[in-house]
Amino acid sequence: MGPDAEQRPGRTDAARLDLGRTERIDLPEAVYCRSKTVGQCVDIVAAMLADGTDAVIATRTTDEQRLALAALGPEASAAGTLVWRPRPATGATAAVVAAGTSDLPVAEECRLTLEAMGHGVELTVDVGVAGLHRLLDVVPSLATADVIVAVAGMEGALPTVLGGLVAQPLIAVPTSVGYGTAFEGMTALAGMMTSCAPGVAVIGIDNGYGAACAAHRFLRRLGSDPT
Protein backbone atom coordinates (compact mmCIF):
# COMPACT_ATOMS: atom_id res chain seq x y z
CA MET A 1 0.00 0.00 0.00
CA GLY A 2 1.05 3.60 -0.46
CA PRO A 3 2.49 5.64 2.42
CA ASP A 4 -0.78 7.46 3.07
CA ALA A 5 -2.96 4.35 3.07
CA GLU A 6 -4.01 4.91 6.68
CA GLN A 7 -5.47 8.27 5.70
CA ARG A 8 -7.35 6.66 2.78
CA PRO A 9 -9.45 3.82 4.22
CA GLY A 10 -10.78 1.62 1.47
CA ARG A 11 -8.11 2.61 -1.04
CA THR A 12 -4.77 1.36 -2.31
CA ASP A 13 -2.46 2.72 -4.97
CA ALA A 14 -4.22 0.47 -7.50
CA ALA A 15 -7.86 0.35 -6.40
CA ARG A 16 -10.79 2.15 -4.81
CA LEU A 17 -12.49 -0.50 -2.71
CA ASP A 18 -16.27 -0.76 -2.65
CA LEU A 19 -16.60 -1.48 1.07
CA GLY A 20 -20.30 -0.54 1.05
CA ARG A 21 -21.30 -3.21 -1.44
CA THR A 22 -22.40 -5.63 1.27
CA GLU A 23 -24.85 -3.11 2.67
CA ARG A 24 -26.28 -2.46 -0.80
CA ILE A 25 -26.57 -5.96 -2.27
CA ASP A 26 -25.38 -8.38 0.45
CA LEU A 27 -22.40 -9.43 -1.67
CA PRO A 28 -18.86 -8.26 -0.89
CA GLU A 29 -16.55 -6.99 -3.58
CA ALA A 30 -14.26 -9.79 -4.78
CA VAL A 31 -10.66 -9.41 -5.94
CA TYR A 32 -10.24 -10.63 -9.52
CA CYS A 33 -6.53 -11.34 -9.55
CA ARG A 34 -5.95 -12.17 -13.19
CA SER A 35 -3.86 -9.42 -14.86
CA LYS A 36 -2.99 -7.87 -11.49
CA THR A 37 0.55 -7.88 -10.14
CA VAL A 38 1.42 -9.82 -7.01
CA GLY A 39 1.89 -6.56 -5.12
CA GLN A 40 -1.48 -5.21 -6.23
CA CYS A 41 -3.25 -8.39 -5.09
CA VAL A 42 -1.58 -8.32 -1.69
CA ASP A 43 -2.25 -4.60 -1.19
CA ILE A 44 -5.92 -4.88 -2.14
CA VAL A 45 -6.63 -7.94 0.01
CA ALA A 46 -4.73 -6.43 2.96
CA ALA A 47 -6.77 -3.22 2.67
CA MET A 48 -10.04 -5.15 2.55
CA LEU A 49 -9.06 -7.11 5.63
CA ALA A 50 -8.07 -3.92 7.45
CA ASP A 51 -10.98 -1.68 6.44
CA GLY A 52 -13.88 -4.12 6.05
CA THR A 53 -15.60 -6.76 8.13
CA ASP A 54 -17.21 -9.04 5.54
CA ALA A 55 -15.81 -12.09 3.77
CA VAL A 56 -12.91 -11.42 1.41
CA ILE A 57 -12.69 -13.47 -1.78
CA ALA A 58 -9.80 -13.50 -4.26
CA THR A 59 -10.38 -15.34 -7.53
CA ARG A 60 -8.28 -16.49 -10.51
CA THR A 61 -4.96 -16.31 -8.67
CA THR A 62 -1.64 -17.55 -10.03
CA ASP A 63 0.80 -19.72 -8.09
CA GLU A 64 2.96 -16.68 -7.39
CA GLN A 65 0.00 -14.63 -6.18
CA ARG A 66 -1.20 -17.44 -3.91
CA LEU A 67 2.25 -17.79 -2.38
CA ALA A 68 2.29 -14.10 -1.49
CA LEU A 69 -1.34 -14.03 -0.33
CA ALA A 70 -0.69 -17.00 1.96
CA ALA A 71 1.09 -14.56 4.29
CA LEU A 72 -2.30 -12.92 4.93
CA GLY A 73 -3.69 -16.18 6.31
CA PRO A 74 -6.53 -17.28 4.02
CA GLU A 75 -8.94 -19.67 5.75
CA ALA A 76 -9.78 -21.67 2.62
CA SER A 77 -8.47 -22.08 -0.91
CA ALA A 78 -9.28 -24.17 -3.98
CA ALA A 79 -8.74 -23.92 -7.74
CA GLY A 80 -7.21 -20.46 -7.59
CA THR A 81 -9.81 -18.99 -5.22
CA LEU A 82 -8.90 -17.87 -1.69
CA VAL A 83 -11.22 -16.84 1.14
CA TRP A 84 -10.73 -14.87 4.35
CA ARG A 85 -13.37 -14.28 7.06
CA PRO A 86 -16.13 -16.55 5.71
CA ARG A 87 -19.59 -15.62 6.95
CA PRO A 88 -21.35 -17.66 9.66
CA ALA A 89 -23.47 -20.56 8.48
CA THR A 90 -26.90 -19.57 7.17
CA GLY A 91 -28.53 -22.99 7.13
CA ALA A 92 -29.24 -22.71 3.40
CA THR A 93 -27.70 -25.33 1.12
CA ALA A 94 -26.57 -25.52 -2.47
CA ALA A 95 -25.59 -28.42 -4.69
CA VAL A 96 -22.79 -27.78 -7.19
CA VAL A 97 -22.71 -30.44 -9.89
CA ALA A 98 -19.81 -30.81 -12.33
CA ALA A 99 -20.35 -32.89 -15.46
CA GLY A 100 -16.70 -33.97 -15.61
CA THR A 101 -13.48 -33.70 -13.66
CA SER A 102 -12.27 -31.19 -16.26
CA ASP A 103 -15.07 -28.86 -15.12
CA LEU A 104 -13.90 -29.03 -11.51
CA PRO A 105 -11.94 -25.73 -11.36
CA VAL A 106 -15.08 -23.76 -12.24
CA ALA A 107 -17.18 -25.85 -9.85
CA GLU A 108 -14.66 -25.32 -7.04
CA GLU A 109 -14.68 -21.55 -7.61
CA CYS A 110 -18.46 -21.66 -7.21
CA ARG A 111 -18.32 -23.90 -4.15
CA LEU A 112 -15.77 -21.84 -2.27
CA THR A 113 -17.57 -18.56 -3.02
CA LEU A 114 -20.85 -19.98 -1.71
CA GLU A 115 -19.11 -21.26 1.41
CA ALA A 116 -17.61 -17.81 1.94
CA MET A 117 -21.19 -16.50 1.95
CA GLY A 118 -22.06 -18.95 4.74
CA HIS A 119 -23.94 -21.55 2.71
CA GLY A 120 -23.51 -25.29 2.97
CA VAL A 121 -22.43 -26.87 -0.31
CA GLU A 122 -22.50 -30.43 -1.60
CA LEU A 123 -20.09 -30.85 -4.52
CA THR A 124 -20.79 -33.70 -6.95
CA VAL A 125 -18.32 -34.43 -9.74
CA ASP A 126 -18.26 -36.59 -12.88
CA VAL A 127 -21.98 -37.15 -13.43
CA GLY A 128 -22.22 -35.94 -17.02
CA VAL A 129 -24.81 -37.24 -19.44
CA ALA A 130 -22.39 -39.61 -21.20
CA GLY A 131 -22.94 -41.87 -18.19
CA LEU A 132 -26.51 -40.96 -17.34
CA HIS A 133 -26.84 -43.65 -14.68
CA ARG A 134 -24.27 -41.79 -12.58
CA LEU A 135 -26.42 -38.68 -12.57
CA LEU A 136 -29.61 -40.58 -11.78
CA ASP A 137 -27.88 -42.15 -8.78
CA VAL A 138 -27.33 -38.74 -7.16
CA VAL A 139 -30.62 -37.03 -8.06
CA PRO A 140 -32.25 -37.91 -4.69
CA SER A 141 -29.47 -36.13 -2.78
CA LEU A 142 -29.49 -33.16 -5.16
CA ALA A 143 -33.21 -32.76 -4.59
CA THR A 144 -32.58 -31.88 -0.94
CA ALA A 145 -30.60 -28.73 -1.81
CA ASP A 146 -32.19 -25.28 -1.91
CA VAL A 147 -30.52 -24.36 -5.22
CA ILE A 148 -28.48 -26.28 -7.78
CA VAL A 149 -25.58 -25.07 -9.92
CA ALA A 150 -24.78 -27.32 -12.90
CA VAL A 151 -21.34 -26.90 -14.48
CA ALA A 152 -20.67 -28.50 -17.87
CA GLY A 153 -18.64 -28.19 -21.03
CA MET A 154 -18.84 -30.16 -24.29
CA GLU A 155 -22.43 -29.70 -25.54
CA GLY A 156 -23.65 -28.50 -22.13
CA ALA A 157 -26.51 -30.99 -21.78
CA LEU A 158 -26.29 -31.55 -18.01
CA PRO A 159 -28.52 -28.60 -16.93
CA THR A 160 -31.24 -29.60 -19.39
CA VAL A 161 -31.37 -33.12 -18.00
CA LEU A 162 -31.39 -31.84 -14.42
CA GLY A 163 -34.05 -29.29 -15.33
CA GLY A 164 -36.42 -32.13 -16.15
CA LEU A 165 -35.73 -33.97 -12.90
CA VAL A 166 -35.56 -31.43 -10.06
CA ALA A 167 -37.73 -28.50 -8.98
CA GLN A 168 -35.12 -26.25 -7.35
CA PRO A 169 -33.79 -23.05 -8.91
CA LEU A 170 -31.20 -24.26 -11.41
CA ILE A 171 -28.22 -22.20 -12.54
CA ALA A 172 -26.21 -23.44 -15.51
CA VAL A 173 -22.53 -22.65 -16.07
CA PRO A 174 -20.91 -23.53 -19.41
CA THR A 175 -17.19 -24.26 -19.36
CA SER A 176 -14.53 -23.95 -22.04
CA VAL A 177 -13.99 -27.72 -22.03
CA GLY A 178 -14.59 -29.91 -25.05
CA TYR A 179 -13.49 -31.56 -28.27
CA GLY A 180 -14.22 -30.63 -31.85
CA THR A 181 -16.69 -27.78 -32.17
CA ALA A 182 -16.86 -26.88 -28.48
CA PHE A 183 -15.48 -23.43 -29.48
CA GLU A 184 -14.07 -22.65 -26.01
CA GLY A 185 -17.46 -23.02 -24.34
CA MET A 186 -19.61 -21.24 -26.94
CA THR A 187 -21.36 -24.48 -27.91
CA ALA A 188 -22.20 -25.27 -24.28
CA LEU A 189 -23.37 -21.69 -23.73
CA ALA A 190 -25.63 -21.77 -26.79
CA GLY A 191 -27.03 -25.16 -25.80
CA MET A 192 -27.85 -23.99 -22.29
CA MET A 193 -29.40 -20.78 -23.57
CA THR A 194 -31.68 -22.82 -25.85
CA SER A 195 -32.48 -25.53 -23.31
CA CYS A 196 -35.91 -27.10 -23.64
CA ALA A 197 -36.06 -27.46 -19.85
CA PRO A 198 -38.05 -24.43 -18.61
CA GLY A 199 -36.62 -22.03 -16.08
CA VAL A 200 -32.89 -22.75 -16.38
CA ALA A 201 -30.82 -19.61 -15.69
CA VAL A 202 -27.48 -19.40 -17.51
CA ILE A 203 -24.25 -17.69 -16.42
CA GLY A 204 -21.29 -16.81 -18.65
CA ILE A 205 -18.56 -19.23 -19.68
CA ASP A 206 -16.31 -20.47 -16.83
CA ASN A 207 -17.94 -18.04 -14.39
CA GLY A 208 -18.18 -20.11 -11.23
CA TYR A 209 -17.94 -16.98 -9.11
CA GLY A 210 -20.88 -15.36 -10.91
CA ALA A 211 -22.94 -18.52 -10.54
CA ALA A 212 -22.29 -18.51 -6.80
CA CYS A 213 -23.41 -14.89 -6.55
CA ALA A 214 -26.60 -15.71 -8.44
CA ALA A 215 -27.23 -18.69 -6.17
CA HIS A 216 -26.64 -16.50 -3.11
CA ARG A 217 -29.37 -14.12 -4.26
CA PHE A 218 -31.78 -17.05 -4.17
CA LEU A 219 -30.46 -18.45 -0.90
CA ARG A 220 -30.50 -15.19 1.06
CA ARG A 221 -34.27 -14.98 0.56
CA LEU A 222 -34.63 -18.19 2.53
CA GLY A 223 -33.07 -16.52 5.55
CA SER A 224 -35.38 -13.52 5.31
CA ASP A 225 -38.60 -15.45 4.71
CA PRO A 226 -40.16 -16.72 7.95
CA THR A 227 -42.17 -19.32 6.04
C-alpha atoms as a PDB file:
ATOM      1  CA  MET A   1       0.000   0.000   0.000  1.00  0.00           C
ATOM      2  CA  GLY A   2       1.053   3.598  -0.464  1.00  0.00           C
ATOM      3  CA  PRO A   3       2.493   5.641   2.415  1.00  0.00           C
ATOM      4  CA  ASP A   4      -0.780   7.463   3.073  1.00  0.00           C
ATOM      5  CA  ALA A   5      -2.961   4.355   3.067  1.00  0.00           C
ATOM      6  CA  GLU A   6      -4.013   4.908   6.684  1.00  0.00           C
ATOM      7  CA  GLN A   7      -5.471   8.268   5.696  1.00  0.00           C
ATOM      8  CA  ARG A   8      -7.349   6.663   2.783  1.00  0.00           C
ATOM      9  CA  PRO A   9      -9.453   3.820   4.218  1.00  0.00           C
ATOM     10  CA  GLY A  10     -10.780   1.616   1.470  1.00  0.00           C
ATOM     11  CA  ARG A  11      -8.112   2.610  -1.035  1.00  0.00           C
ATOM     12  CA  THR A  12      -4.772   1.356  -2.310  1.00  0.00           C
ATOM     13  CA  ASP A  13      -2.460   2.721  -4.970  1.00  0.00           C
ATOM     14  CA  ALA A  14      -4.224   0.467  -7.502  1.00  0.00           C
ATOM     15  CA  ALA A  15      -7.858   0.348  -6.402  1.00  0.00           C
ATOM     16  CA  ARG A  16     -10.793   2.146  -4.811  1.00  0.00           C
ATOM     17  CA  LEU A  17     -12.492  -0.497  -2.713  1.00  0.00           C
ATOM     18  CA  ASP A  18     -16.271  -0.759  -2.645  1.00  0.00           C
ATOM     19  CA  LEU A  19     -16.604  -1.485   1.068  1.00  0.00           C
ATOM     20  CA  GLY A  20     -20.298  -0.536   1.048  1.00  0.00           C
ATOM     21  CA  ARG A  21     -21.303  -3.207  -1.438  1.00  0.00           C
ATOM     22  CA  THR A  22     -22.395  -5.627   1.267  1.00  0.00           C
ATOM     23  CA  GLU A  23     -24.854  -3.109   2.674  1.00  0.00           C
ATOM     24  CA  ARG A  24     -26.280  -2.463  -0.798  1.00  0.00           C
ATOM     25  CA  ILE A  25     -26.566  -5.958  -2.266  1.00  0.00           C
ATOM     26  CA  ASP A  26     -25.379  -8.378   0.450  1.00  0.00           C
ATOM     27  CA  LEU A  27     -22.396  -9.433  -1.672  1.00  0.00           C
ATOM     28  CA  PRO A  28     -18.862  -8.256  -0.887  1.00  0.00           C
ATOM     29  CA  GLU A  29     -16.552  -6.993  -3.585  1.00  0.00           C
ATOM     30  CA  ALA A  30     -14.262  -9.787  -4.782  1.00  0.00           C
ATOM     31  CA  VAL A  31     -10.665  -9.409  -5.938  1.00  0.00           C
ATOM     32  CA  TYR A  32     -10.243 -10.625  -9.525  1.00  0.00           C
ATOM     33  CA  CYS A  33      -6.531 -11.343  -9.551  1.00  0.00           C
ATOM     34  CA  ARG A  34      -5.954 -12.168 -13.192  1.00  0.00           C
ATOM     35  CA  SER A  35      -3.863  -9.421 -14.856  1.00  0.00           C
ATOM     36  CA  LYS A  36      -2.986  -7.872 -11.486  1.00  0.00           C
ATOM     37  CA  THR A  37       0.550  -7.883 -10.140  1.00  0.00           C
ATOM     38  CA  VAL A  38       1.424  -9.816  -7.015  1.00  0.00           C
ATOM     39  CA  GLY A  39       1.893  -6.560  -5.125  1.00  0.00           C
ATOM     40  CA  GLN A  40      -1.484  -5.211  -6.225  1.00  0.00           C
ATOM     41  CA  CYS A  41      -3.252  -8.388  -5.091  1.00  0.00           C
ATOM     42  CA  VAL A  42      -1.582  -8.322  -1.692  1.00  0.00           C
ATOM     43  CA  ASP A  43      -2.245  -4.600  -1.187  1.00  0.00           C
ATOM     44  CA  ILE A  44      -5.919  -4.879  -2.139  1.00  0.00           C
ATOM     45  CA  VAL A  45      -6.633  -7.942   0.015  1.00  0.00           C
ATOM     46  CA  ALA A  46      -4.734  -6.425   2.957  1.00  0.00           C
ATOM     47  CA  ALA A  47      -6.768  -3.220   2.665  1.00  0.00           C
ATOM     48  CA  MET A  48     -10.041  -5.151   2.549  1.00  0.00           C
ATOM     49  CA  LEU A  49      -9.059  -7.108   5.626  1.00  0.00           C
ATOM     50  CA  ALA A  50      -8.075  -3.924   7.446  1.00  0.00           C
ATOM     51  CA  ASP A  51     -10.977  -1.681   6.443  1.00  0.00           C
ATOM     52  CA  GLY A  52     -13.880  -4.116   6.046  1.00  0.00           C
ATOM     53  CA  THR A  53     -15.596  -6.763   8.126  1.00  0.00           C
ATOM     54  CA  ASP A  54     -17.210  -9.043   5.542  1.00  0.00           C
ATOM     55  CA  ALA A  55     -15.809 -12.093   3.771  1.00  0.00           C
ATOM     56  CA  VAL A  56     -12.907 -11.422   1.413  1.00  0.00           C
ATOM     57  CA  ILE A  57     -12.692 -13.468  -1.782  1.00  0.00           C
ATOM     58  CA  ALA A  58      -9.800 -13.502  -4.258  1.00  0.00           C
ATOM     59  CA  THR A  59     -10.380 -15.338  -7.534  1.00  0.00           C
ATOM     60  CA  ARG A  60      -8.275 -16.492 -10.507  1.00  0.00           C
ATOM     61  CA  THR A  61      -4.963 -16.312  -8.671  1.00  0.00           C
ATOM     62  CA  THR A  62      -1.644 -17.547 -10.026  1.00  0.00           C
ATOM     63  CA  ASP A  63       0.800 -19.725  -8.093  1.00  0.00           C
ATOM     64  CA  GLU A  64       2.959 -16.680  -7.394  1.00  0.00           C
ATOM     65  CA  GLN A  65      -0.002 -14.630  -6.182  1.00  0.00           C
ATOM     66  CA  ARG A  66      -1.203 -17.437  -3.911  1.00  0.00           C
ATOM     67  CA  LEU A  67       2.248 -17.793  -2.378  1.00  0.00           C
ATOM     68  CA  ALA A  68       2.285 -14.097  -1.493  1.00  0.00           C
ATOM     69  CA  LEU A  69      -1.342 -14.031  -0.325  1.00  0.00           C
ATOM     70  CA  ALA A  70      -0.691 -16.999   1.964  1.00  0.00           C
ATOM     71  CA  ALA A  71       1.087 -14.564   4.291  1.00  0.00           C
ATOM     72  CA  LEU A  72      -2.295 -12.920   4.934  1.00  0.00           C
ATOM     73  CA  GLY A  73      -3.685 -16.179   6.309  1.00  0.00           C
ATOM     74  CA  PRO A  74      -6.531 -17.280   4.018  1.00  0.00           C
ATOM     75  CA  GLU A  75      -8.938 -19.665   5.746  1.00  0.00           C
ATOM     76  CA  ALA A  76      -9.776 -21.673   2.620  1.00  0.00           C
ATOM     77  CA  SER A  77      -8.473 -22.077  -0.909  1.00  0.00           C
ATOM     78  CA  ALA A  78      -9.277 -24.169  -3.983  1.00  0.00           C
ATOM     79  CA  ALA A  79      -8.739 -23.922  -7.741  1.00  0.00           C
ATOM     80  CA  GLY A  80      -7.206 -20.458  -7.586  1.00  0.00           C
ATOM     81  CA  THR A  81      -9.815 -18.990  -5.216  1.00  0.00           C
ATOM     82  CA  LEU A  82      -8.904 -17.869  -1.686  1.00  0.00           C
ATOM     83  CA  VAL A  83     -11.220 -16.838   1.143  1.00  0.00           C
ATOM     84  CA  TRP A  84     -10.732 -14.865   4.346  1.00  0.00           C
ATOM     85  CA  ARG A  85     -13.372 -14.275   7.058  1.00  0.00           C
ATOM     86  CA  PRO A  86     -16.132 -16.550   5.709  1.00  0.00           C
ATOM     87  CA  ARG A  87     -19.586 -15.621   6.954  1.00  0.00           C
ATOM     88  CA  PRO A  88     -21.345 -17.664   9.656  1.00  0.00           C
ATOM     89  CA  ALA A  89     -23.472 -20.562   8.475  1.00  0.00           C
ATOM     90  CA  THR A  90     -26.902 -19.567   7.170  1.00  0.00           C
ATOM     91  CA  GLY A  91     -28.532 -22.991   7.133  1.00  0.00           C
ATOM     92  CA  ALA A  92     -29.245 -22.706   3.400  1.00  0.00           C
ATOM     93  CA  THR A  93     -27.701 -25.333   1.120  1.00  0.00           C
ATOM     94  CA  ALA A  94     -26.571 -25.523  -2.475  1.00  0.00           C
ATOM     95  CA  ALA A  95     -25.590 -28.417  -4.694  1.00  0.00           C
ATOM     96  CA  VAL A  96     -22.793 -27.776  -7.186  1.00  0.00           C
ATOM     97  CA  VAL A  97     -22.707 -30.443  -9.886  1.00  0.00           C
ATOM     98  CA  ALA A  98     -19.811 -30.806 -12.333  1.00  0.00           C
ATOM     99  CA  ALA A  99     -20.349 -32.894 -15.459  1.00  0.00           C
ATOM    100  CA  GLY A 100     -16.702 -33.966 -15.608  1.00  0.00           C
ATOM    101  CA  THR A 101     -13.479 -33.697 -13.657  1.00  0.00           C
ATOM    102  CA  SER A 102     -12.266 -31.189 -16.262  1.00  0.00           C
ATOM    103  CA  ASP A 103     -15.069 -28.862 -15.118  1.00  0.00           C
ATOM    104  CA  LEU A 104     -13.897 -29.034 -11.511  1.00  0.00           C
ATOM    105  CA  PRO A 105     -11.943 -25.733 -11.358  1.00  0.00           C
ATOM    106  CA  VAL A 106     -15.085 -23.763 -12.239  1.00  0.00           C
ATOM    107  CA  ALA A 107     -17.183 -25.846  -9.849  1.00  0.00           C
ATOM    108  CA  GLU A 108     -14.658 -25.318  -7.043  1.00  0.00           C
ATOM    109  CA  GLU A 109     -14.675 -21.549  -7.612  1.00  0.00           C
ATOM    110  CA  CYS A 110     -18.455 -21.658  -7.215  1.00  0.00           C
ATOM    111  CA  ARG A 111     -18.317 -23.900  -4.149  1.00  0.00           C
ATOM    112  CA  LEU A 112     -15.774 -21.837  -2.273  1.00  0.00           C
ATOM    113  CA  THR A 113     -17.568 -18.561  -3.025  1.00  0.00           C
ATOM    114  CA  LEU A 114     -20.845 -19.982  -1.713  1.00  0.00           C
ATOM    115  CA  GLU A 115     -19.108 -21.262   1.411  1.00  0.00           C
ATOM    116  CA  ALA A 116     -17.609 -17.808   1.936  1.00  0.00           C
ATOM    117  CA  MET A 117     -21.193 -16.501   1.954  1.00  0.00           C
ATOM    118  CA  GLY A 118     -22.057 -18.953   4.744  1.00  0.00           C
ATOM    119  CA  HIS A 119     -23.937 -21.546   2.711  1.00  0.00           C
ATOM    120  CA  GLY A 120     -23.509 -25.289   2.972  1.00  0.00           C
ATOM    121  CA  VAL A 121     -22.428 -26.867  -0.309  1.00  0.00           C
ATOM    122  CA  GLU A 122     -22.502 -30.426  -1.601  1.00  0.00           C
ATOM    123  CA  LEU A 123     -20.092 -30.848  -4.522  1.00  0.00           C
ATOM    124  CA  THR A 124     -20.790 -33.698  -6.948  1.00  0.00           C
ATOM    125  CA  VAL A 125     -18.319 -34.427  -9.743  1.00  0.00           C
ATOM    126  CA  ASP A 126     -18.263 -36.594 -12.883  1.00  0.00           C
ATOM    127  CA  VAL A 127     -21.976 -37.151 -13.432  1.00  0.00           C
ATOM    128  CA  GLY A 128     -22.215 -35.945 -17.024  1.00  0.00           C
ATOM    129  CA  VAL A 129     -24.806 -37.244 -19.444  1.00  0.00           C
ATOM    130  CA  ALA A 130     -22.385 -39.611 -21.200  1.00  0.00           C
ATOM    131  CA  GLY A 131     -22.942 -41.874 -18.187  1.00  0.00           C
ATOM    132  CA  LEU A 132     -26.514 -40.960 -17.341  1.00  0.00           C
ATOM    133  CA  HIS A 133     -26.840 -43.646 -14.681  1.00  0.00           C
ATOM    134  CA  ARG A 134     -24.266 -41.787 -12.579  1.00  0.00           C
ATOM    135  CA  LEU A 135     -26.423 -38.684 -12.570  1.00  0.00           C
ATOM    136  CA  LEU A 136     -29.608 -40.582 -11.785  1.00  0.00           C
ATOM    137  CA  ASP A 137     -27.876 -42.155  -8.784  1.00  0.00           C
ATOM    138  CA  VAL A 138     -27.327 -38.740  -7.163  1.00  0.00           C
ATOM    139  CA  VAL A 139     -30.622 -37.034  -8.063  1.00  0.00           C
ATOM    140  CA  PRO A 140     -32.246 -37.913  -4.689  1.00  0.00           C
ATOM    141  CA  SER A 141     -29.466 -36.131  -2.776  1.00  0.00           C
ATOM    142  CA  LEU A 142     -29.489 -33.162  -5.160  1.00  0.00           C
ATOM    143  CA  ALA A 143     -33.214 -32.764  -4.595  1.00  0.00           C
ATOM    144  CA  THR A 144     -32.582 -31.882  -0.940  1.00  0.00           C
ATOM    145  CA  ALA A 145     -30.596 -28.731  -1.811  1.00  0.00           C
ATOM    146  CA  ASP A 146     -32.191 -25.277  -1.909  1.00  0.00           C
ATOM    147  CA  VAL A 147     -30.520 -24.356  -5.215  1.00  0.00           C
ATOM    148  CA  ILE A 148     -28.477 -26.282  -7.785  1.00  0.00           C
ATOM    149  CA  VAL A 149     -25.581 -25.074  -9.920  1.00  0.00           C
ATOM    150  CA  ALA A 150     -24.782 -27.322 -12.900  1.00  0.00           C
ATOM    151  CA  VAL A 151     -21.339 -26.898 -14.480  1.00  0.00           C
ATOM    152  CA  ALA A 152     -20.674 -28.503 -17.866  1.00  0.00           C
ATOM    153  CA  GLY A 153     -18.639 -28.191 -21.029  1.00  0.00           C
ATOM    154  CA  MET A 154     -18.845 -30.159 -24.288  1.00  0.00           C
ATOM    155  CA  GLU A 155     -22.425 -29.702 -25.543  1.00  0.00           C
ATOM    156  CA  GLY A 156     -23.648 -28.497 -22.126  1.00  0.00           C
ATOM    157  CA  ALA A 157     -26.508 -30.987 -21.777  1.00  0.00           C
ATOM    158  CA  LEU A 158     -26.292 -31.550 -18.013  1.00  0.00           C
ATOM    159  CA  PRO A 159     -28.517 -28.602 -16.933  1.00  0.00           C
ATOM    160  CA  THR A 160     -31.239 -29.595 -19.388  1.00  0.00           C
ATOM    161  CA  VAL A 161     -31.366 -33.124 -18.000  1.00  0.00           C
ATOM    162  CA  LEU A 162     -31.390 -31.843 -14.422  1.00  0.00           C
ATOM    163  CA  GLY A 163     -34.051 -29.287 -15.329  1.00  0.00           C
ATOM    164  CA  GLY A 164     -36.421 -32.127 -16.148  1.00  0.00           C
ATOM    165  CA  LEU A 165     -35.728 -33.975 -12.898  1.00  0.00           C
ATOM    166  CA  VAL A 166     -35.561 -31.425 -10.064  1.00  0.00           C
ATOM    167  CA  ALA A 167     -37.734 -28.505  -8.980  1.00  0.00           C
ATOM    168  CA  GLN A 168     -35.117 -26.255  -7.346  1.00  0.00           C
ATOM    169  CA  PRO A 169     -33.788 -23.047  -8.908  1.00  0.00           C
ATOM    170  CA  LEU A 170     -31.204 -24.263 -11.413  1.00  0.00           C
ATOM    171  CA  ILE A 171     -28.216 -22.202 -12.537  1.00  0.00           C
ATOM    172  CA  ALA A 172     -26.210 -23.438 -15.511  1.00  0.00           C
ATOM    173  CA  VAL A 173     -22.532 -22.649 -16.071  1.00  0.00           C
ATOM    174  CA  PRO A 174     -20.906 -23.527 -19.411  1.00  0.00           C
ATOM    175  CA  THR A 175     -17.189 -24.262 -19.355  1.00  0.00           C
ATOM    176  CA  SER A 176     -14.532 -23.945 -22.041  1.00  0.00           C
ATOM    177  CA  VAL A 177     -13.993 -27.720 -22.030  1.00  0.00           C
ATOM    178  CA  GLY A 178     -14.588 -29.909 -25.046  1.00  0.00           C
ATOM    179  CA  TYR A 179     -13.488 -31.557 -28.271  1.00  0.00           C
ATOM    180  CA  GLY A 180     -14.217 -30.635 -31.851  1.00  0.00           C
ATOM    181  CA  THR A 181     -16.688 -27.775 -32.169  1.00  0.00           C
ATOM    182  CA  ALA A 182     -16.863 -26.883 -28.480  1.00  0.00           C
ATOM    183  CA  PHE A 183     -15.481 -23.434 -29.476  1.00  0.00           C
ATOM    184  CA  GLU A 184     -14.067 -22.649 -26.011  1.00  0.00           C
ATOM    185  CA  GLY A 185     -17.459 -23.017 -24.337  1.00  0.00           C
ATOM    186  CA  MET A 186     -19.605 -21.241 -26.937  1.00  0.00           C
ATOM    187  CA  THR A 187     -21.355 -24.477 -27.914  1.00  0.00           C
ATOM    188  CA  ALA A 188     -22.200 -25.267 -24.284  1.00  0.00           C
ATOM    189  CA  LEU A 189     -23.373 -21.694 -23.729  1.00  0.00           C
ATOM    190  CA  ALA A 190     -25.626 -21.771 -26.789  1.00  0.00           C
ATOM    191  CA  GLY A 191     -27.026 -25.158 -25.800  1.00  0.00           C
ATOM    192  CA  MET A 192     -27.846 -23.986 -22.288  1.00  0.00           C
ATOM    193  CA  MET A 193     -29.402 -20.777 -23.569  1.00  0.00           C
ATOM    194  CA  THR A 194     -31.675 -22.821 -25.847  1.00  0.00           C
ATOM    195  CA  SER A 195     -32.482 -25.527 -23.308  1.00  0.00           C
ATOM    196  CA  CYS A 196     -35.907 -27.095 -23.642  1.00  0.00           C
ATOM    197  CA  ALA A 197     -36.060 -27.465 -19.847  1.00  0.00           C
ATOM    198  CA  PRO A 198     -38.046 -24.434 -18.612  1.00  0.00           C
ATOM    199  CA  GLY A 199     -36.620 -22.027 -16.078  1.00  0.00           C
ATOM    200  CA  VAL A 200     -32.888 -22.754 -16.376  1.00  0.00           C
ATOM    201  CA  ALA A 201     -30.821 -19.612 -15.695  1.00  0.00           C
ATOM    202  CA  VAL A 202     -27.482 -19.400 -17.511  1.00  0.00           C
ATOM    203  CA  ILE A 203     -24.252 -17.689 -16.418  1.00  0.00           C
ATOM    204  CA  GLY A 204     -21.291 -16.815 -18.648  1.00  0.00           C
ATOM    205  CA  ILE A 205     -18.559 -19.227 -19.676  1.00  0.00           C
ATOM    206  CA  ASP A 206     -16.313 -20.473 -16.829  1.00  0.00           C
ATOM    207  CA  ASN A 207     -17.945 -18.039 -14.387  1.00  0.00           C
ATOM    208  CA  GLY A 208     -18.177 -20.113 -11.226  1.00  0.00           C
ATOM    209  CA  TYR A 209     -17.943 -16.981  -9.111  1.00  0.00           C
ATOM    210  CA  GLY A 210     -20.877 -15.357 -10.908  1.00  0.00           C
ATOM    211  CA  ALA A 211     -22.941 -18.519 -10.542  1.00  0.00           C
ATOM    212  CA  ALA A 212     -22.286 -18.511  -6.798  1.00  0.00           C
ATOM    213  CA  CYS A 213     -23.407 -14.888  -6.552  1.00  0.00           C
ATOM    214  CA  ALA A 214     -26.604 -15.707  -8.443  1.00  0.00           C
ATOM    215  CA  ALA A 215     -27.231 -18.688  -6.169  1.00  0.00           C
ATOM    216  CA  HIS A 216     -26.635 -16.503  -3.112  1.00  0.00           C
ATOM    217  CA  ARG A 217     -29.368 -14.118  -4.265  1.00  0.00           C
ATOM    218  CA  PHE A 218     -31.778 -17.050  -4.168  1.00  0.00           C
ATOM    219  CA  LEU A 219     -30.462 -18.448  -0.897  1.00  0.00           C
ATOM    220  CA  ARG A 220     -30.496 -15.194   1.061  1.00  0.00           C
ATOM    221  CA  ARG A 221     -34.271 -14.984   0.560  1.00  0.00           C
ATOM    222  CA  LEU A 222     -34.632 -18.187   2.532  1.00  0.00           C
ATOM    223  CA  GLY A 223     -33.072 -16.521   5.549  1.00  0.00           C
ATOM    224  CA  SER A 224     -35.380 -13.519   5.314  1.00  0.00           C
ATOM    225  CA  ASP A 225     -38.596 -15.454   4.705  1.00  0.00           C
ATOM    226  CA  PRO A 226     -40.162 -16.721   7.953  1.00  0.00           C
ATOM    227  CA  THR A 227     -42.171 -19.325   6.040  1.00  0.00           C
END
